[in-house]
C-alpha cells in the first residue's frame, strides 16, 4: 500500500526526471547528429530517411540519458525538499532518510531493468539498422547539383560544367561535357545552350542541347592509330544514368555478427565459439610445426662418431657430401623461413582472436554496468540533494555534471584499458561503478547524520577556528617574553 509520504516523494521526483531525461536525451541526440552531419549534407535525402537515421542514432543514447537524468532529478528532488524544510520536518518526525528514499529506490531498480532491456534487445537491433543505413548514406554520392563554372564529376565517366545557369534552374549556357567510357578515348561535347530535366522515373538526367559540336576519338588496344571526328549539331539529346546517385538498400544481415549487434546470450554463444577457435588454432599450429620438426625428438647416432673437439658447425658439414651440402643448406634456410612465417601468422591470428574476445566481453559487461549505473548514481544524487539543500537547475546541475563527467571518464578509461589489455574486462567495464559505489555509501551515511559536508558556514567557522588556533601560540609566546 502506497502511503502519503511515498506519494509525496514520487510526485516530487517524476516531474524533474521527465524534464531532465528529455533534455539529456535531446542533447545526446544532437551530439550524434553533429557527429554525422557531414555525411548527411548534400545527399538529397528525404525526411523519412533522415528520421530513421536520427531514431537509430538516438536509441543508443538512452543508456547514457537514463543515468544522468536519475542523477540530476534525484539531486533536484531532495534539494527542493531540503530547501523548503520538508526534509527537516520528515526527519524530525522520526522517519529515517532511507525510509524516505525507499519508493525512489524501487523506481531506480525499475529504471535499471528498463536500461538493461534496452541495452540487451533494443540497442543491438538499432545498431544493426543504423550501420546498414549509415553505410548506404555514406557511399551515396551527392544529389545532382550543377553549379556555374564548376565541374560535376559524381556521375561515373562524366564531367559536366555549365558556364551559366538561368534563374529557372533548367536552362544552361556554354555547356561542356567530358566523357570517358574507354581509357583510349576522350570524347567531348560543347554546346551554346541546353535544357536539363529529370525523367519521370527519377532514373535519368536528360540534356537537350542546341548549337554545338561533339568531338570523338576512336581507338583500340590493337591499333595505336586513332581517328578524330567532329560532329556539328543544332539539337542533341544526351541521357545520363542517375542510378549511381541513388541510395542503395543494403541487407542488414551482413552486419548481424558484429559484437555491437548481439544480446548477452548471443555474445556468450560467440565467446564459446571463439574459445573453440583458439583451441583449433593451437592444434593447427602444432601440426604445422610437426611437418618440419618431426625429427627433433629422434636421437641421431652419427653425432656420437664425430670427435667433440671439432666445432659443431664443421661437424655438421662433415656429415654431408660436397655435392649435397649447398642443397641441404638451401633447404634448411627455406624450412627456417617457412617456420618463421607460420609462427608470425599464428601469433597475429592469436592476437586477433584475443582482441575479438576482449571486444565481445566489453560489450557483454557494458549491458550490465550501464544499467547498474542508474542505481549507483541515484545513491549519489539523493544524499547530495539532502546535504546541499538547494533546488532548481543551479547548484544541483553543476554538481550532477561534475559527478557524471567523473563517471563518464572512468567508463572511457576502463574501456580503453581493456582494449589495450591493461586490465581485465570486468575491472575495466565496472571501474566507474566500483569507484563511485563507496562514494555513494559515504554520502548516504553523511546525509543520514545531517552532515555539514557542503555547508559553507561550517567551513567558514572551521577556518576561523584554525586561524584563531594559529594566532594563540604567537600571543602566548609574546606574553612570556614580557
Protein backbone atom coordinates (compact mmCIF):
# COMPACT_ATOMS: atom_id res chain seq x y z
CA UNK A 1 0.00 0.00 0.00
CA UNK A 2 1.40 3.37 -1.03
CA UNK A 3 1.39 5.85 1.81
CA UNK A 4 1.06 9.63 1.54
CA UNK A 5 4.79 10.04 2.22
CA UNK A 6 5.61 7.76 -0.71
CA UNK A 7 3.21 9.69 -2.95
CA UNK A 8 4.89 12.94 -1.89
CA UNK A 9 8.38 11.80 -2.87
CA UNK A 10 7.17 10.19 -6.11
CA UNK A 11 5.33 13.36 -7.20
CA UNK A 12 8.37 15.44 -6.32
CA UNK A 13 10.63 13.13 -8.37
CA UNK A 14 8.63 12.38 -11.51
CA UNK A 15 8.49 15.96 -12.81
CA UNK A 16 12.24 16.75 -12.65
CA UNK A 17 13.03 13.29 -14.02
CA UNK A 18 10.87 13.69 -17.13
CA UNK A 19 12.30 17.15 -17.82
CA UNK A 20 15.95 16.18 -17.27
CA UNK A 21 15.57 12.91 -19.20
CA UNK A 22 14.26 14.56 -22.34
CA UNK A 23 16.79 17.39 -22.10
CA UNK A 24 19.68 14.93 -21.73
CA UNK A 25 18.22 12.72 -24.48
CA UNK A 26 17.88 15.70 -26.83
CA UNK A 27 21.41 16.94 -26.14
CA UNK A 28 22.92 13.50 -26.72
CA UNK A 29 20.86 13.05 -29.91
CA UNK A 30 22.06 16.43 -31.23
CA UNK A 31 25.61 15.40 -30.42
CA UNK A 32 25.13 12.28 -32.55
CA UNK A 33 23.58 14.37 -35.32
CA UNK A 34 26.50 16.80 -35.39
CA UNK A 35 28.89 13.85 -35.49
CA UNK A 36 27.36 12.56 -38.73
CA UNK A 37 26.18 15.87 -40.18
CA UNK A 38 28.86 15.99 -42.89
CA UNK A 39 27.74 12.59 -44.17
CA UNK A 40 24.12 13.75 -44.50
CA UNK A 41 24.53 17.15 -46.14
CA UNK A 42 24.20 17.32 -49.91
CA UNK A 43 22.93 13.75 -50.37
CA UNK A 44 19.35 14.70 -51.26
CA UNK A 45 17.87 12.52 -48.51
CA UNK A 46 14.13 12.53 -47.86
CA UNK A 47 12.66 13.28 -44.43
CA UNK A 48 11.76 9.64 -43.81
CA UNK A 49 15.38 8.53 -44.24
CA UNK A 50 16.65 11.34 -42.02
CA UNK A 51 14.02 10.48 -39.40
CA UNK A 52 15.08 6.81 -39.44
CA UNK A 53 18.72 7.83 -39.11
CA UNK A 54 18.01 10.05 -36.10
CA UNK A 55 15.85 7.35 -34.49
CA UNK A 56 18.55 4.70 -34.77
CA UNK A 57 21.22 7.12 -33.50
CA UNK A 58 19.12 8.24 -30.54
CA UNK A 59 18.23 4.67 -29.48
CA UNK A 60 21.78 4.02 -28.29
CA UNK A 61 21.76 7.29 -26.31
CA UNK A 62 19.15 6.06 -23.83
CA UNK A 63 21.69 4.14 -21.76
CA UNK A 64 23.54 7.43 -21.17
CA UNK A 65 20.50 9.68 -20.83
CA UNK A 66 18.91 7.48 -18.15
CA UNK A 67 21.77 7.61 -15.59
CA UNK A 68 22.35 11.35 -15.93
CA UNK A 69 18.58 12.02 -15.69
CA UNK A 70 18.37 9.95 -12.49
CA UNK A 71 21.37 11.74 -11.03
CA UNK A 72 20.12 15.28 -11.78
CA UNK A 73 16.48 14.62 -10.85
CA UNK A 74 17.39 12.95 -7.55
CA UNK A 75 19.61 15.89 -6.58
CA UNK A 76 16.86 18.35 -7.56
CA UNK A 77 14.14 16.40 -5.73
CA UNK A 78 15.93 16.13 -2.41
CA UNK A 79 17.39 19.60 -2.82
CA UNK A 80 13.91 21.10 -3.25
CA UNK A 81 12.60 19.18 -0.24
CA UNK A 82 15.57 20.29 1.83
CA UNK A 83 15.29 23.92 0.72
CA UNK A 84 11.58 24.04 1.67
CA UNK A 85 12.37 22.34 5.03
CA UNK A 86 10.08 19.43 4.21
CA UNK A 87 13.00 17.06 4.59
CA UNK A 88 13.76 18.51 8.03
CA UNK A 89 10.14 18.06 9.09
CA UNK A 90 10.14 14.45 7.91
CA UNK A 91 13.36 13.65 9.77
CA UNK A 92 12.10 15.38 12.92
CA UNK A 93 9.04 13.10 12.91
CA UNK A 94 11.33 10.10 13.32
CA UNK A 95 11.40 8.91 9.70
CA UNK A 96 14.89 8.00 8.53
CA UNK A 97 16.33 9.10 5.21
CA UNK A 98 16.47 5.54 3.88
CA UNK A 99 12.77 5.04 4.64
CA UNK A 100 12.02 8.28 2.85
CA UNK A 101 14.14 7.14 -0.12
CA UNK A 102 12.52 3.69 -0.32
CA UNK A 103 9.97 4.39 -3.10
CA UNK A 104 12.66 6.03 -5.23
CA UNK A 105 14.98 3.08 -4.60
CA UNK A 106 12.37 0.83 -6.21
CA UNK A 107 12.00 3.32 -9.04
CA UNK A 108 15.78 3.23 -9.56
CA UNK A 109 15.64 -0.59 -9.66
CA UNK A 110 12.87 -0.34 -12.26
CA UNK A 111 14.98 2.04 -14.36
CA UNK A 112 17.91 -0.37 -14.09
CA UNK A 113 15.72 -3.09 -15.57
CA UNK A 114 14.45 -0.82 -18.36
CA UNK A 115 18.01 0.24 -19.22
CA UNK A 116 19.16 -3.37 -19.36
CA UNK A 117 16.25 -4.36 -21.62
CA UNK A 118 17.14 -1.53 -24.00
CA UNK A 119 20.85 -2.34 -23.87
CA UNK A 120 20.29 -6.05 -24.42
CA UNK A 121 17.49 -6.10 -27.00
CA UNK A 122 16.61 -2.70 -28.46
CA UNK A 123 20.07 -1.16 -28.91
CA UNK A 124 21.61 -4.17 -30.77
CA UNK A 125 18.71 -4.06 -33.24
CA UNK A 126 19.04 -0.27 -33.58
CA UNK A 127 22.80 -0.59 -34.13
CA UNK A 128 22.20 -3.19 -36.84
CA UNK A 129 19.75 -0.95 -38.68
CA UNK A 130 21.92 2.11 -38.13
CA UNK A 131 25.08 0.56 -39.60
CA UNK A 132 23.24 -0.63 -42.70
CA UNK A 133 21.55 2.75 -43.20
CA UNK A 134 24.70 4.73 -42.47
CA UNK A 135 26.78 2.76 -44.98
CA UNK A 136 24.12 3.30 -47.64
CA UNK A 137 24.10 7.04 -46.92
CA UNK A 138 27.89 7.29 -46.65
CA UNK A 139 28.52 5.66 -50.03
CA UNK A 140 25.67 7.51 -51.71
CA UNK A 141 27.01 10.24 -53.96
CA UNK A 142 25.74 13.81 -53.55
CA UNK A 143 22.48 14.72 -55.24
CA UNK A 144 22.73 16.29 -58.68
CA UNK A 145 23.51 19.96 -58.21
CA UNK A 146 25.06 21.63 -61.25
CA UNK A 147 26.73 24.93 -60.33
CA UNK A 148 28.05 27.63 -62.63
CA UNK A 149 31.68 27.18 -63.61
CA UNK A 150 32.15 24.02 -61.52
CA UNK A 151 32.61 20.50 -62.88
CA UNK A 152 30.12 17.93 -61.58
CA UNK A 153 32.00 14.61 -61.51
CA UNK A 154 29.79 12.31 -59.41
CA UNK A 155 28.25 10.59 -62.43
CA UNK A 156 30.74 7.85 -63.44
CA UNK A 157 32.79 8.53 -66.59
CA UNK A 158 31.41 12.07 -66.99
CA UNK A 159 32.45 15.60 -66.05
CA UNK A 160 29.80 18.28 -66.68
CA UNK A 161 30.21 22.05 -66.47
CA UNK A 162 27.81 24.90 -67.27
CA UNK A 163 29.20 28.37 -67.80
CA UNK A 164 25.92 29.99 -66.79
CA UNK A 165 22.69 28.75 -65.21
CA UNK A 166 19.46 30.66 -65.75
CA UNK A 167 17.11 31.59 -62.92
CA UNK A 168 14.58 28.92 -63.93
CA UNK A 169 17.08 26.25 -62.84
CA UNK A 170 16.72 24.33 -66.12
CA UNK A 171 18.29 26.44 -68.85
CA UNK A 172 22.10 26.32 -69.03
CA UNK A 173 24.58 28.01 -71.37
CA UNK A 174 28.15 27.29 -72.50
CA UNK A 175 27.83 23.60 -71.71
CA UNK A 176 30.93 21.40 -71.61
CA UNK A 177 30.69 17.62 -71.17
CA UNK A 178 33.73 15.32 -70.94
CA UNK A 179 33.06 11.63 -71.50
CA UNK A 180 35.48 8.75 -70.96
CA UNK A 181 33.93 5.35 -71.50
CA UNK A 182 37.20 3.88 -72.75
CA UNK A 183 40.73 4.65 -71.48
CA UNK A 184 41.88 5.24 -75.06
CA UNK A 185 39.03 7.59 -75.93
CA UNK A 186 38.40 11.16 -74.80
CA UNK A 187 35.08 12.42 -76.09
CA UNK A 188 33.80 15.92 -75.57
CA UNK A 189 30.54 17.79 -76.20
CA UNK A 190 30.34 21.59 -76.41
CA UNK A 191 27.04 23.46 -76.79
CA UNK A 192 25.90 27.04 -76.59
CA UNK A 193 22.65 26.30 -74.82
CA UNK A 194 20.75 23.45 -73.25
CA UNK A 195 17.79 22.49 -71.11
CA UNK A 196 18.11 19.83 -68.45
CA UNK A 197 15.37 17.80 -66.82
CA UNK A 198 14.97 14.68 -64.70
CA UNK A 199 12.99 11.81 -66.18
CA UNK A 200 9.65 10.92 -64.67
CA UNK A 201 11.02 7.76 -63.04
CA UNK A 202 13.91 9.75 -61.47
CA UNK A 203 16.47 7.41 -63.09
CA UNK A 204 17.87 9.54 -65.90
CA UNK A 205 19.10 13.10 -66.40
CA UNK A 206 18.19 14.47 -69.84
CA UNK A 207 20.16 17.23 -71.58
CA UNK A 208 18.55 18.81 -74.69
CA UNK A 209 21.50 20.70 -76.22
CA UNK A 210 21.46 23.25 -79.04
CA UNK A 211 24.12 24.61 -81.44
CA UNK A 212 27.24 22.69 -80.56
CA UNK A 213 29.84 20.14 -81.55
CA UNK A 214 30.71 16.60 -80.47
CA UNK A 215 34.40 15.69 -80.57
CA UNK A 216 35.02 11.94 -80.68
CA UNK A 217 38.25 9.93 -80.63
CA UNK A 218 38.17 6.32 -81.86
CA UNK A 219 40.92 3.85 -80.99
CA UNK A 220 41.62 0.38 -79.64
CA UNK A 221 44.37 -1.58 -77.97
CA UNK A 222 45.42 -3.46 -81.11
CA UNK A 223 45.93 -0.33 -83.21
CA UNK A 224 47.88 2.70 -81.99
CA UNK A 225 46.40 4.89 -84.69
CA UNK A 226 43.41 6.99 -83.64
CA UNK A 227 40.66 8.68 -85.58
CA UNK A 228 39.30 12.10 -84.62
CA UNK A 229 35.75 13.03 -85.57
CA UNK A 230 33.94 16.34 -85.14
CA UNK A 231 30.17 16.38 -85.49
CA UNK A 232 28.17 19.59 -85.53
CA UNK A 233 24.56 19.65 -84.40
CA UNK A 234 21.68 22.04 -83.99
CA UNK A 235 19.95 19.85 -81.41
CA UNK A 236 21.31 16.90 -79.47
CA UNK A 237 19.79 14.82 -76.71
CA UNK A 238 22.10 13.31 -74.08
CA UNK A 239 20.96 10.95 -71.29
CA UNK A 240 22.86 10.30 -68.03
CA UNK A 241 22.16 7.34 -65.80
CA UNK A 242 21.47 8.56 -62.23
CA UNK A 243 21.46 5.12 -60.59
CA UNK A 244 24.93 5.80 -59.17
CA UNK A 245 23.50 8.74 -57.21
CA UNK A 246 20.74 6.71 -55.59
CA UNK A 247 20.92 5.28 -52.07
CA UNK A 248 21.46 1.53 -52.05
CA UNK A 249 19.32 -0.60 -49.74
CA UNK A 250 21.89 -2.97 -48.28
CA UNK A 251 20.66 -6.09 -46.49
CA UNK A 252 21.45 -5.62 -42.80
CA UNK A 253 22.09 -9.36 -42.31
CA UNK A 254 25.72 -8.90 -43.37
CA UNK A 255 26.38 -6.97 -40.13
CA UNK A 256 24.44 -9.20 -37.73
CA UNK A 257 27.53 -11.00 -36.36
CA UNK A 258 29.17 -7.82 -35.12
CA UNK A 259 29.56 -7.73 -31.32
CA UNK A 260 27.53 -4.49 -31.07
CA UNK A 261 24.53 -6.20 -32.68
CA UNK A 262 24.34 -9.08 -30.21
CA UNK A 263 22.45 -9.67 -26.98
CA UNK A 264 24.14 -11.02 -23.86
CA UNK A 265 23.07 -14.60 -24.64
CA UNK A 266 24.33 -14.34 -28.22
CA UNK A 267 27.65 -12.93 -27.01
CA UNK A 268 28.06 -15.91 -24.67
CA UNK A 269 27.46 -18.23 -27.61
CA UNK A 270 30.00 -16.39 -29.74
CA UNK A 271 32.56 -16.47 -26.92
CA UNK A 272 32.24 -20.27 -26.74
CA UNK A 273 32.87 -20.43 -30.49
CA UNK A 274 35.89 -18.14 -30.18
CA UNK A 275 37.39 -20.30 -27.42
CA UNK A 276 36.99 -23.36 -29.63
CA UNK A 277 38.67 -21.50 -32.50
CA UNK A 278 41.59 -20.69 -30.21
CA UNK A 279 41.99 -24.38 -29.35
CA UNK A 280 41.78 -25.24 -33.04
CA UNK A 281 44.43 -22.61 -33.81
CA UNK A 282 46.82 -24.11 -31.25
CA UNK A 283 46.32 -27.62 -32.61
CA UNK A 284 46.74 -26.43 -36.21
CA UNK A 285 49.97 -24.62 -35.33
CA UNK A 286 51.33 -27.73 -33.59
CA UNK A 287 50.58 -29.86 -36.66
CA UNK A 288 52.25 -27.29 -38.91
CA UNK A 289 55.42 -27.38 -36.80
CA UNK A 290 55.46 -31.19 -36.74
CA UNK A 291 55.72 -31.22 -40.53
CA UNK A 292 59.12 -29.54 -40.30
CA UNK A 293 60.30 -30.66 -36.84
CA UNK A 294 59.10 -34.26 -36.71
CA UNK A 295 62.68 -35.50 -36.23
CA UNK A 296 63.60 -33.17 -33.34
CA UNK A 297 62.98 -35.80 -30.63
CA UNK A 298 64.68 -38.66 -32.51
CA UNK A 299 68.35 -39.27 -31.38
CA UNK A 300 70.93 -39.27 -34.16
CA UNK A 301 73.66 -41.86 -33.52
CA UNK A 302 76.00 -40.41 -36.12
CA UNK A 303 76.69 -37.40 -33.90
CA UNK A 304 78.44 -39.62 -31.42
CA UNK A 305 81.02 -40.76 -34.00
CA UNK A 306 82.36 -37.25 -34.55
CA UNK A 307 85.05 -36.10 -32.08
CA UNK A 308 83.74 -33.46 -29.70
CA UNK A 309 86.88 -31.40 -30.19
CA UNK A 310 85.71 -30.46 -33.69
CA UNK A 311 83.49 -27.34 -33.77
CA UNK A 312 79.78 -28.04 -34.14
CA UNK A 313 79.46 -26.20 -37.45
CA UNK A 314 82.24 -28.26 -39.02
CA UNK A 315 80.74 -31.45 -37.56
CA UNK A 316 77.51 -30.89 -39.47
CA UNK A 317 79.38 -30.11 -42.71
CA UNK A 318 81.49 -33.21 -42.26
CA UNK A 319 78.36 -35.35 -42.32
CA UNK A 320 77.36 -34.05 -45.77
CA UNK A 321 78.84 -34.84 -49.18
CA UNK A 322 80.26 -31.87 -51.04
CA UNK A 323 77.69 -32.23 -53.84
CA UNK A 324 74.70 -32.11 -51.44
CA UNK A 325 75.97 -29.51 -49.00
CA UNK A 326 74.59 -26.47 -50.84
CA UNK A 327 71.21 -28.10 -51.40
CA UNK A 328 70.93 -29.06 -47.75
CA UNK A 329 71.70 -25.52 -46.59
CA UNK A 330 69.19 -24.06 -49.04
CA UNK A 331 66.55 -26.47 -47.82
CA UNK A 332 67.35 -25.57 -44.19
CA UNK A 333 67.03 -21.86 -44.91
CA UNK A 334 63.73 -22.42 -46.71
CA UNK A 335 62.46 -24.51 -43.79
CA UNK A 336 63.51 -21.81 -41.30
CA UNK A 337 61.77 -19.13 -43.37
CA UNK A 338 58.59 -21.24 -43.53
CA UNK A 339 58.69 -21.81 -39.77
CA UNK A 340 59.11 -18.08 -39.20
CA UNK A 341 56.18 -17.20 -41.46
CA UNK A 342 53.97 -19.82 -39.81
CA UNK A 343 54.92 -18.58 -36.34
CA UNK A 344 54.23 -14.93 -37.25
CA UNK A 345 50.88 -15.83 -38.81
CA UNK A 346 49.93 -17.90 -35.75
CA UNK A 347 50.88 -15.06 -33.40
CA UNK A 348 48.94 -12.47 -35.43
CA UNK A 349 45.88 -14.70 -35.60
CA UNK A 350 46.08 -15.43 -31.87
CA UNK A 351 46.29 -11.71 -31.09
CA UNK A 352 43.33 -11.07 -33.37
CA UNK A 353 41.33 -13.77 -31.57
CA UNK A 354 42.24 -12.29 -28.18
CA UNK A 355 41.19 -8.82 -29.31
CA UNK A 356 37.91 -10.20 -30.62
CA UNK A 357 37.27 -11.93 -27.29
CA UNK A 358 38.02 -8.69 -25.43
CA UNK A 359 35.59 -6.69 -27.60
CA UNK A 360 32.82 -9.22 -27.04
CA UNK A 361 33.42 -9.18 -23.27
CA UNK A 362 33.42 -5.38 -23.28
CA UNK A 363 30.00 -5.33 -24.90
CA UNK A 364 28.70 -8.03 -22.55
CA UNK A 365 29.79 -6.16 -19.40
CA UNK A 366 28.58 -2.82 -20.82
CA UNK A 367 24.98 -4.03 -20.85
CA UNK A 368 25.08 -4.74 -17.11
CA UNK A 369 27.38 -1.94 -15.92
CA UNK A 370 25.38 0.87 -17.56
CA UNK A 371 22.12 -0.46 -16.12
CA UNK A 372 23.72 -0.76 -12.68
CA UNK A 373 24.96 2.82 -13.03
CA UNK A 374 21.37 4.05 -12.67
CA UNK A 375 21.24 2.57 -9.17
CA UNK A 376 24.69 3.86 -8.17
CA UNK A 377 24.08 7.40 -9.45
CA UNK A 378 20.79 7.52 -7.59
CA UNK A 379 22.66 6.87 -4.33
CA UNK A 380 24.96 9.71 -5.30
CA UNK A 381 22.22 12.17 -6.19
CA UNK A 382 19.75 11.56 -3.32
CA UNK A 383 22.21 12.14 -0.45
CA UNK A 384 23.86 15.02 -2.32
CA UNK A 385 20.49 16.76 -2.66
CA UNK A 386 19.66 16.29 1.01
CA UNK A 387 23.09 17.65 2.01
CA UNK A 388 23.18 20.60 -0.42
CA UNK A 389 19.51 21.57 0.19
CA UNK A 390 19.32 23.61 -2.98
CA UNK A 391 16.68 23.10 -5.66
CA UNK A 392 16.29 24.22 -9.25
CA UNK A 393 18.78 23.91 -12.09
CA UNK A 394 21.61 25.86 -10.48
CA UNK A 395 23.80 24.15 -7.93
CA UNK A 396 22.25 20.67 -8.45
CA UNK A 397 23.01 20.77 -12.17
CA UNK A 398 26.64 21.80 -11.59
CA UNK A 399 27.22 19.03 -9.04
CA UNK A 400 25.45 16.46 -11.24
CA UNK A 401 27.55 17.37 -14.27
CA UNK A 402 30.76 17.03 -12.25
CA UNK A 403 29.85 13.56 -10.99
CA UNK A 404 28.58 12.43 -14.39
CA UNK A 405 31.83 13.59 -16.02
CA UNK A 406 33.74 11.55 -13.45
CA UNK A 407 31.51 8.57 -14.22
CA UNK A 408 31.88 9.00 -17.99
CA UNK A 409 35.66 9.45 -17.84
CA UNK A 410 36.05 6.36 -15.67
CA UNK A 411 33.97 4.43 -18.19
CA UNK A 412 36.13 5.60 -21.10
CA UNK A 413 39.40 4.93 -19.28
CA UNK A 414 38.23 1.50 -18.18
CA UNK A 415 37.18 0.54 -21.71
CA UNK A 416 40.49 1.79 -23.10
CA UNK A 417 42.41 -0.24 -20.51
CA UNK A 418 40.53 -3.37 -21.55
CA UNK A 419 41.12 -2.79 -25.27
CA UNK A 420 44.85 -2.35 -24.66
CA UNK A 421 44.99 -5.44 -22.45
CA UNK A 422 46.00 -3.49 -19.33
CA UNK A 423 43.09 -4.71 -17.20
CA UNK A 424 40.52 -7.47 -17.30
CA UNK A 425 37.11 -6.79 -18.91
CA UNK A 426 35.38 -6.97 -15.52
CA UNK A 427 37.65 -4.40 -13.83
CA UNK A 428 37.69 -2.07 -16.84
CA UNK A 429 33.97 -2.01 -17.60
CA UNK A 430 32.91 -1.87 -13.93
CA UNK A 431 35.58 0.69 -12.95
CA UNK A 432 33.12 3.60 -12.66
CA UNK A 433 30.67 1.56 -10.59
CA UNK A 434 33.43 0.20 -8.33
CA UNK A 435 34.84 3.69 -7.71
CA UNK A 436 31.55 5.55 -7.20
CA UNK A 437 29.82 2.93 -5.04
CA UNK A 438 31.95 3.71 -1.93
CA UNK A 439 31.38 7.42 -2.59
CA UNK A 440 27.62 6.83 -2.66
CA UNK A 441 27.77 4.84 0.59
CA UNK A 442 29.81 7.60 2.22
CA UNK A 443 27.43 10.35 1.06
CA UNK A 444 24.39 8.36 2.21
CA UNK A 445 25.97 7.92 5.64
CA UNK A 446 26.70 11.63 5.86
CA UNK A 447 23.18 12.55 4.75
CA UNK A 448 21.62 10.25 7.36
CA UNK A 449 23.63 12.02 10.10
CA UNK A 450 22.92 15.58 8.86
CA UNK A 451 26.46 16.20 7.71
CA UNK A 452 27.77 19.71 7.11
CA UNK A 453 29.77 18.47 4.14
CA UNK A 454 28.59 21.17 1.70
CA UNK A 455 27.70 23.88 4.23
CA UNK A 456 29.92 26.89 3.56
CA UNK A 457 29.25 28.30 7.04
CA UNK A 458 30.71 25.13 8.55
CA UNK A 459 33.92 25.54 6.58
CA UNK A 460 33.97 29.27 7.42
CA UNK A 461 33.74 28.52 11.15
CA UNK A 462 36.36 25.78 10.76
CA UNK A 463 38.69 28.21 9.03
CA UNK A 464 38.17 30.84 11.74
CA UNK A 465 38.86 28.25 14.41
CA UNK A 466 42.10 27.18 12.75
CA UNK A 467 43.10 30.79 12.28
CA UNK A 468 42.49 31.51 15.99
CA UNK A 469 44.46 28.39 16.97
CA UNK A 470 47.42 29.61 14.92
CA UNK A 471 47.34 33.12 16.43
CA UNK A 472 47.02 31.94 20.06
CA UNK A 473 50.55 30.43 20.33
CA UNK A 474 52.01 33.65 18.98
CA UNK A 475 50.26 35.69 21.72
CA UNK A 476 51.36 33.22 24.42
CA UNK A 477 54.98 33.42 23.27
CA UNK A 478 54.94 37.24 23.26
CA UNK A 479 53.45 37.42 26.79
CA UNK A 480 56.06 35.00 28.14
CA UNK A 481 58.84 37.24 26.88
CA UNK A 482 57.43 40.21 28.68
